[in-house]
């Protein structure tokens, strides 16, 4: 979430989406609030981070071991 606007879900171990789009209308001038809600247990061993990039990372691997 950014400023109480839900961006969607991100599931790193399942793919294929590795980035979320932040529409301009969700941003405020000045400071913006980012809220992360983790349900599965982070697998990053203490080095998790949020990075803003200009180009999306799409079409990653799809894992079907549900």
PDB file of N, CA and C in Angstrom:
ATOM      1  N   UNK A   1       0.829  -1.169   0.000  1.00  0.00           N
ATOM      2  CA  UNK A   1       0.000   0.000   0.000  1.00  0.00           C
ATOM      3  C   UNK A   1       0.876   1.235   0.000  1.00  0.00           C
ATOM      4  N   UNK A   2       0.407   2.228  -0.684  1.00  0.00           N
ATOM      5  CA  UNK A   2       1.076   3.519  -0.599  1.00  0.00           C
ATOM      6  C   UNK A   2      -0.011   4.573  -0.385  1.00  0.00           C
ATOM      7  N   UNK A   3       0.094   5.288   0.720  1.00  0.00           N
ATOM      8  CA  UNK A   3      -0.907   6.288   1.100  1.00  0.00           C
ATOM      9  C   UNK A   3      -2.314   5.694   1.117  1.00  0.00           C
ATOM     10  N   UNK A   4      -2.479   4.515   1.694  1.00  0.00           N
ATOM     11  CA  UNK A   4      -3.749   3.790   1.799  1.00  0.00           C
ATOM     12  C   UNK A   4      -4.332   3.390   0.445  1.00  0.00           C
ATOM     13  N   UNK A   5      -3.532   3.329  -0.591  1.00  0.00           N
ATOM     14  CA  UNK A   5      -3.946   2.870  -1.915  1.00  0.00           C
ATOM     15  C   UNK A   5      -3.309   1.501  -2.147  1.00  0.00           C
ATOM     16  N   UNK A   6      -4.135   0.468  -2.293  1.00  0.00           N
ATOM     17  CA  UNK A   6      -3.625  -0.892  -2.457  1.00  0.00           C
ATOM     18  C   UNK A   6      -3.032  -1.061  -3.853  1.00  0.00           C
ATOM     19  N   UNK A   7      -1.757  -1.416  -3.920  1.00  0.00           N
ATOM     20  CA  UNK A   7      -1.079  -1.594  -5.201  1.00  0.00           C
ATOM     21  C   UNK A   7      -1.262  -2.998  -5.764  1.00  0.00           C
ATOM     22  N   UNK A   8      -1.590  -3.955  -4.938  1.00  0.00           N
ATOM     23  CA  UNK A   8      -1.738  -5.323  -5.397  1.00  0.00           C
ATOM     24  C   UNK A   8      -0.934  -6.252  -4.523  1.00  0.00           C
ATOM     25  N   UNK A   9      -0.681  -7.450  -5.044  1.00  0.00           N
ATOM     26  CA  UNK A   9       0.079  -8.434  -4.272  1.00  0.00           C
ATOM     27  C   UNK A   9       1.387  -8.761  -4.971  1.00  0.00           C
ATOM     28  N   UNK A  10       2.321  -9.184  -4.189  1.00  0.00           N
ATOM     29  CA  UNK A  10       3.649  -9.540  -4.681  1.00  0.00           C
ATOM     30  C   UNK A  10       4.016 -10.853  -4.033  1.00  0.00           C
ATOM     31  N   UNK A  11       4.315 -11.862  -4.842  1.00  0.00           N
ATOM     32  CA  UNK A  11       4.658 -13.178  -4.311  1.00  0.00           C
ATOM     33  C   UNK A  11       5.960 -13.613  -4.960  1.00  0.00           C
ATOM     34  N   UNK A  12       7.060 -13.255  -4.333  1.00  0.00           N
ATOM     35  CA  UNK A  12       8.396 -13.433  -4.909  1.00  0.00           C
ATOM     36  C   UNK A  12       8.699 -14.877  -5.294  1.00  0.00           C
ATOM     37  N   UNK A  13       8.275 -15.842  -4.502  1.00  0.00           N
ATOM     38  CA  UNK A  13       8.625 -17.237  -4.782  1.00  0.00           C
ATOM     39  C   UNK A  13       7.754 -17.863  -5.864  1.00  0.00           C
ATOM     40  N   UNK A  14       6.654 -17.219  -6.240  1.00  0.00           N
ATOM     41  CA  UNK A  14       5.750 -17.780  -7.248  1.00  0.00           C
ATOM     42  C   UNK A  14       5.833 -17.056  -8.591  1.00  0.00           C
ATOM     43  N   UNK A  15       6.132 -15.760  -8.601  1.00  0.00           N
ATOM     44  CA  UNK A  15       6.200 -15.003  -9.841  1.00  0.00           C
ATOM     45  C   UNK A  15       4.832 -14.881 -10.474  1.00  0.00           C
ATOM     46  N   UNK A  16       4.702 -14.424 -11.688  1.00  0.00           N
ATOM     47  CA  UNK A  16       5.752 -13.916 -12.560  1.00  0.00           C
ATOM     48  C   UNK A  16       6.034 -12.429 -12.360  1.00  0.00           C
ATOM     49  N   UNK A  17       5.291 -11.781 -11.478  1.00  0.00           N
ATOM     50  CA  UNK A  17       5.414 -10.345 -11.293  1.00  0.00           C
ATOM     51  C   UNK A  17       6.446 -10.039 -10.219  1.00  0.00           C
ATOM     52  N   UNK A  18       7.406  -9.197 -10.536  1.00  0.00           N
ATOM     53  CA  UNK A  18       8.438  -8.808  -9.569  1.00  0.00           C
ATOM     54  C   UNK A  18       8.378  -7.333  -9.211  1.00  0.00           C
ATOM     55  N   UNK A  19       7.498  -6.579  -9.863  1.00  0.00           N
ATOM     56  CA  UNK A  19       7.347  -5.158  -9.559  1.00  0.00           C
ATOM     57  C   UNK A  19       5.859  -4.814  -9.481  1.00  0.00           C
ATOM     58  N   UNK A  20       5.545  -3.772  -8.747  1.00  0.00           N
ATOM     59  CA  UNK A  20       4.187  -3.253  -8.670  1.00  0.00           C
ATOM     60  C   UNK A  20       4.186  -1.832  -9.208  1.00  0.00           C
ATOM     61  N   UNK A  21       3.138  -1.473  -9.935  1.00  0.00           N
ATOM     62  CA  UNK A  21       3.006  -0.146 -10.523  1.00  0.00           C
ATOM     63  C   UNK A  21       2.391   0.799  -9.502  1.00  0.00           C
ATOM     64  N   UNK A  22       2.987   1.973  -9.341  1.00  0.00           N
ATOM     65  CA  UNK A  22       2.452   3.007  -8.458  1.00  0.00           C
ATOM     66  C   UNK A  22       1.922   4.127  -9.334  1.00  0.00           C
ATOM     67  N   UNK A  23       0.587   4.257  -9.434  1.00  0.00           N
ATOM     68  CA  UNK A  23       0.038   5.340 -10.250  1.00  0.00           C
ATOM     69  C   UNK A  23       0.289   6.708  -9.618  1.00  0.00           C
ATOM     70  N   UNK A  24       0.441   7.694 -10.450  1.00  0.00           N
ATOM     71  CA  UNK A  24       0.733   9.046  -9.972  1.00  0.00           C
ATOM     72  C   UNK A  24      -0.329   9.557  -9.006  1.00  0.00           C
ATOM     73  N   UNK A  25      -1.586   9.174  -9.232  1.00  0.00           N
ATOM     74  CA  UNK A  25      -2.675   9.657  -8.371  1.00  0.00           C
ATOM     75  C   UNK A  25      -2.575   9.109  -6.942  1.00  0.00           C
ATOM     76  N   UNK A  26      -1.786   8.059  -6.725  1.00  0.00           N
ATOM     77  CA  UNK A  26      -1.621   7.485  -5.382  1.00  0.00           C
ATOM     78  C   UNK A  26      -0.555   8.218  -4.575  1.00  0.00           C
ATOM     79  N   UNK A  27       0.235   9.051  -5.229  1.00  0.00           N
ATOM     80  CA  UNK A  27       1.336   9.752  -4.556  1.00  0.00           C
ATOM     81  C   UNK A  27       0.920  11.142  -4.104  1.00  0.00           C
ATOM     82  N   UNK A  28       1.520  11.600  -3.028  1.00  0.00           N
ATOM     83  CA  UNK A  28       1.298  12.942  -2.507  1.00  0.00           C
ATOM     84  C   UNK A  28       2.570  13.756  -2.677  1.00  0.00           C
ATOM     85  N   UNK A  29       2.419  15.061  -2.773  1.00  0.00           N
ATOM     86  CA  UNK A  29       3.597  15.932  -2.803  1.00  0.00           C
ATOM     87  C   UNK A  29       4.278  15.842  -1.440  1.00  0.00           C
ATOM     88  N   UNK A  30       5.573  15.718  -1.426  1.00  0.00           N
ATOM     89  CA  UNK A  30       6.301  15.590  -0.166  1.00  0.00           C
ATOM     90  C   UNK A  30       6.427  14.133   0.240  1.00  0.00           C
ATOM     91  N   UNK A  31       6.142  13.824   1.508  1.00  0.00           N
ATOM     92  CA  UNK A  31       6.287  12.474   2.048  1.00  0.00           C
ATOM     93  C   UNK A  31       5.130  11.579   1.635  1.00  0.00           C
ATOM     94  N   UNK A  32       5.435  10.293   1.411  1.00  0.00           N
ATOM     95  CA  UNK A  32       4.438   9.271   1.119  1.00  0.00           C
ATOM     96  C   UNK A  32       4.642   8.105   2.073  1.00  0.00           C
ATOM     97  N   UNK A  33       3.550   7.446   2.459  1.00  0.00           N
ATOM     98  CA  UNK A  33       3.592   6.348   3.414  1.00  0.00           C
ATOM     99  C   UNK A  33       3.492   5.013   2.679  1.00  0.00           C
ATOM    100  N   UNK A  34       4.469   4.125   2.880  1.00  0.00           N
ATOM    101  CA  UNK A  34       4.461   2.791   2.296  1.00  0.00           C
ATOM    102  C   UNK A  34       4.170   1.790   3.404  1.00  0.00           C
ATOM    103  N   UNK A  35       3.167   0.934   3.191  1.00  0.00           N
ATOM    104  CA  UNK A  35       2.802  -0.096   4.159  1.00  0.00           C
ATOM    105  C   UNK A  35       2.970  -1.458   3.519  1.00  0.00           C
ATOM    106  N   UNK A  36       3.773  -2.328   4.138  1.00  0.00           N
ATOM    107  CA  UNK A  36       3.968  -3.697   3.666  1.00  0.00           C
ATOM    108  C   UNK A  36       3.309  -4.640   4.660  1.00  0.00           C
ATOM    109  N   UNK A  37       2.545  -5.588   4.144  1.00  0.00           N
ATOM    110  CA  UNK A  37       1.852  -6.560   4.979  1.00  0.00           C
ATOM    111  C   UNK A  37       2.320  -7.943   4.570  1.00  0.00           C
ATOM    112  N   UNK A  38       3.110  -8.583   5.422  1.00  0.00           N
ATOM    113  CA  UNK A  38       3.732  -9.877   5.119  1.00  0.00           C
ATOM    114  C   UNK A  38       2.944 -11.005   5.763  1.00  0.00           C
ATOM    115  N   UNK A  39       2.464 -11.960   4.964  1.00  0.00           N
ATOM    116  CA  UNK A  39       1.688 -13.086   5.476  1.00  0.00           C
ATOM    117  C   UNK A  39       2.439 -14.410   5.430  1.00  0.00           C
ATOM    118  N   UNK A  40       3.404 -14.542   4.557  1.00  0.00           N
ATOM    119  CA  UNK A  40       4.073 -15.816   4.318  1.00  0.00           C
ATOM    120  C   UNK A  40       5.403 -15.965   5.038  1.00  0.00           C
ATOM    121  N   UNK A  41       5.911 -14.921   5.622  1.00  0.00           N
ATOM    122  CA  UNK A  41       7.234 -14.980   6.252  1.00  0.00           C
ATOM    123  C   UNK A  41       8.287 -14.593   5.225  1.00  0.00           C
ATOM    124  N   UNK A  42       8.930 -13.498   5.444  1.00  0.00           N
ATOM    125  CA  UNK A  42       9.925 -12.995   4.497  1.00  0.00           C
ATOM    126  C   UNK A  42      11.086 -13.966   4.364  1.00  0.00           C
ATOM    127  N   UNK A  43      11.486 -14.246   3.139  1.00  0.00           N
ATOM    128  CA  UNK A  43      12.593 -15.174   2.885  1.00  0.00           C
ATOM    129  C   UNK A  43      13.878 -14.442   2.534  1.00  0.00           C
ATOM    130  N   UNK A  44      13.998 -13.199   2.977  1.00  0.00           N
ATOM    131  CA  UNK A  44      15.162 -12.398   2.596  1.00  0.00           C
ATOM    132  C   UNK A  44      16.216 -12.332   3.697  1.00  0.00           C
ATOM    133  N   UNK A  45      16.028 -13.025   4.783  1.00  0.00           N
ATOM    134  CA  UNK A  45      17.016 -13.110   5.868  1.00  0.00           C
ATOM    135  C   UNK A  45      17.488 -11.749   6.383  1.00  0.00           C
ATOM    136  N   UNK A  46      16.559 -10.841   6.613  1.00  0.00           N
ATOM    137  CA  UNK A  46      16.892  -9.552   7.202  1.00  0.00           C
ATOM    138  C   UNK A  46      17.364  -8.488   6.241  1.00  0.00           C
ATOM    139  N   UNK A  47      17.410  -8.767   4.951  1.00  0.00           N
ATOM    140  CA  UNK A  47      17.869  -7.758   3.995  1.00  0.00           C
ATOM    141  C   UNK A  47      16.759  -7.374   3.018  1.00  0.00           C
ATOM    142  N   UNK A  48      15.520  -7.319   3.481  1.00  0.00           N
ATOM    143  CA  UNK A  48      14.396  -6.931   2.624  1.00  0.00           C
ATOM    144  C   UNK A  48      14.428  -5.423   2.380  1.00  0.00           C
ATOM    145  N   UNK A  49      13.985  -5.002   1.220  1.00  0.00           N
ATOM    146  CA  UNK A  49      13.973  -3.580   0.914  1.00  0.00           C
ATOM    147  C   UNK A  49      12.938  -3.282  -0.161  1.00  0.00           C
ATOM    148  N   UNK A  50      12.578  -2.025  -0.284  1.00  0.00           N
ATOM    149  CA  UNK A  50      11.705  -1.525  -1.339  1.00  0.00           C
ATOM    150  C   UNK A  50      12.564  -0.652  -2.229  1.00  0.00           C
ATOM    151  N   UNK A  51      12.461  -0.857  -3.518  1.00  0.00           N
ATOM    152  CA  UNK A  51      13.246  -0.067  -4.477  1.00  0.00           C
ATOM    153  C   UNK A  51      12.319   0.467  -5.553  1.00  0.00           C
ATOM    154  N   UNK A  52      12.413   1.754  -5.838  1.00  0.00           N
ATOM    155  CA  UNK A  52      11.641   2.359  -6.907  1.00  0.00           C
ATOM    156  C   UNK A  52      12.475   2.338  -8.179  1.00  0.00           C
ATOM    157  N   UNK A  53      11.926   1.750  -9.244  1.00  0.00           N
ATOM    158  CA  UNK A  53      12.630   1.632 -10.517  1.00  0.00           C
ATOM    159  C   UNK A  53      11.781   2.230 -11.635  1.00  0.00           C
ATOM    160  N   UNK A  54      12.423   2.633 -12.711  1.00  0.00           N
ATOM    161  CA  UNK A  54      11.703   3.233 -13.837  1.00  0.00           C
ATOM    162  C   UNK A  54      11.077   2.190 -14.754  1.00  0.00           C
ATOM    163  N   UNK A  55      11.706   1.038 -14.879  1.00  0.00           N
ATOM    164  CA  UNK A  55      11.218  -0.019 -15.769  1.00  0.00           C
ATOM    165  C   UNK A  55      10.746  -1.217 -14.950  1.00  0.00           C
ATOM    166  N   UNK A  56       9.576  -1.772 -15.264  1.00  0.00           N
ATOM    167  CA  UNK A  56       9.077  -2.927 -14.510  1.00  0.00           C
ATOM    168  C   UNK A  56       9.850  -4.200 -14.828  1.00  0.00           C
ATOM    169  N   UNK A  57       9.863  -5.120 -13.878  1.00  0.00           N
ATOM    170  CA  UNK A  57      10.439  -6.448 -14.082  1.00  0.00           C
ATOM    171  C   UNK A  57       9.258  -7.400 -14.175  1.00  0.00           C
ATOM    172  N   UNK A  58       8.960  -7.862 -15.382  1.00  0.00           N
ATOM    173  CA  UNK A  58       7.806  -8.708 -15.648  1.00  0.00           C
ATOM    174  C   UNK A  58       8.250 -10.028 -16.257  1.00  0.00           C
ATOM    175  N   UNK A  59       7.285 -10.944 -16.397  1.00  0.00           N
ATOM    176  CA  UNK A  59       7.512 -12.216 -17.080  1.00  0.00           C
ATOM    177  C   UNK A  59       8.601 -13.052 -16.430  1.00  0.00           C
ATOM    178  N   UNK A  60       8.605 -13.119 -15.117  1.00  0.00           N
ATOM    179  CA  UNK A  60       9.532 -13.974 -14.401  1.00  0.00           C
ATOM    180  C   UNK A  60       9.054 -15.416 -14.435  1.00  0.00           C
ATOM    181  N   UNK A  61       9.737 -16.308 -13.751  1.00  0.00           N
ATOM    182  CA  UNK A  61       9.333 -17.719 -13.738  1.00  0.00           C
ATOM    183  C   UNK A  61       8.023 -17.913 -12.977  1.00  0.00           C
ATOM    184  N   UNK A  62       7.259 -18.883 -13.408  1.00  0.00           N
ATOM    185  CA  UNK A  62       6.016 -19.241 -12.740  1.00  0.00           C
ATOM    186  C   UNK A  62       6.202 -20.599 -12.109  1.00  0.00           C
ATOM    187  N   UNK A  63       5.906 -20.712 -10.821  1.00  0.00           N
ATOM    188  CA  UNK A  63       6.047 -21.968 -10.100  1.00  0.00           C
ATOM    189  C   UNK A  63       4.656 -22.489  -9.743  1.00  0.00           C
ATOM    190  N   UNK A  64       4.365 -23.738 -10.083  1.00  0.00           N
ATOM    191  CA  UNK A  64       3.054 -24.295  -9.874  1.00  0.00           C
ATOM    192  C   UNK A  64       2.991 -25.284  -8.718  1.00  0.00           C
ATOM    193  N   UNK A  65       3.838 -25.164  -7.749  1.00  0.00           N
ATOM    194  CA  UNK A  65       3.843 -26.092  -6.624  1.00  0.00           C
ATOM    195  C   UNK A  65       2.935 -25.616  -5.487  1.00  0.00           C
ATOM    196  N   UNK A  66       1.703 -25.281  -5.816  1.00  0.00           N
ATOM    197  CA  UNK A  66       0.757 -24.815  -4.803  1.00  0.00           C
ATOM    198  C   UNK A  66       0.349 -25.994  -4.025  1.00  0.00           C
TER     199      UNK A  66
END
